[in-house]
Amino acid sequence: MSLKKVCQEGNKWVTFATVGAAVTGLYSSHPGLTRDSIPEYLFFTAIIAFRVKLYLDDEVFFLSKAEFLTRHFKIGMIFAVASWILIILSALSIATLDNAYLFFLFAVAASTLWIVAEAFRIGAYREQNIWVGKNAIYMAILAFLIWLHPDQQPIYDWAALAALLIAIAVDWGLSDPVSKLHQLEAKT
């Protein structure tokens, strides 16, 4: 099996594992939707949407931009695997949101380092600059959720999680990974 195929299969299975971990994490402590569990359900939605978007972005990268034998790719994949593990841990931790937010923050940071490692190869292309910028927005929202939100006032959590979902939705709309993937698959 080629390195490209290994990366694609790993990306796919990490996405499945993230979805399974999110369901497990959510239902381990909140089997039903109540007012108190709204943040968990919002975060569940955000992490699933984010991971599926990452899956599509990574597939586009593996099909079009990746140079699998370079040193930069290998260094980048160390950060990618770290990001993949951290996002699964975040999904598993939904029942304890502070832990889930922290793992997610670290996952986005590792993903950003993957982008940077790859950018050193030939210089950053436009899309990588956008990815780093949107990752900074995600990390700022997560930092607010971890350290800055007022205690005992869930409206701030709801607002921050809504902002995270909006940021992910805007990211989906602007990058349109499904169309890019279809175009690449049509070429092969």
Foldseek 3Di string as FASTA:
>chain_A
DDPLVVQLVVLVVLLVLLLVLLVQQLCVADVDDDPVCVLLVLVSVLLNLVSVVVSLVVNLCSLPPDPCPDPLQVVLVVLQVQLSVLSSQLSNNSNPNLSNLVSNLSSLVSNLVSLVSSCVVPHHDPVNVVSNVLSVVSNVLSCCVNPNDDPPPCVSSVVSSVVSVVSSVVVCVVVVSVVSSVVSVVVD
